[in-house]
């Protein structure tokens, strides 16, 4: 292929600077919970998707999890709490029903739903070290914040949970929306 057709553009998800119906495929990965207005953002995705086009949504979900999968979700919630305290848009993990509820508010012609459980390194010590490193990195971001002691306690609670139950990746909902 001679021509590079890939480009990046940073825009407001609620009001993208693209013409209507200009994309055959729109994808949003692991980001719904970062949006301030999920429904408006999904309506905008629908607007820029061509008739006959598709939107692929992938999002981890928080319901029906094993104890080990809850470790990953607890870590995600910890990061979201710190991000929110620092003024960033980052919400807790959505449930399957919450994700689907948002998507079914949009007039897609068809919605196909799949669930995927990613695998993780089976070495428990390596997995604990990864979580511990992430907790420490994110906790360092909150140094000096008035909620630092609360975040530090939350990190210790997660460490104890992971020691007891281990850690596995949370499952991912894959949703193919056709226009």
Foldseek 3Di string as FASTA:
>chain_A
DPDDPDDDDDDQLLDDPDQFQQDQEAEDEQCCQQHPDNLSSVQSVNRNHHAQGKYKYKHFADPPDDLQQVLVQLLQQLLQVLCVLVPGRGHRGHHPVVVVVSVVVHPFPDKDKDKAFDWDPPPQVVQLVVSLVSLVVSLVVCPPPPCSVVSVVSSVVSSVSCVVRNHGHGMMMIMMTHD
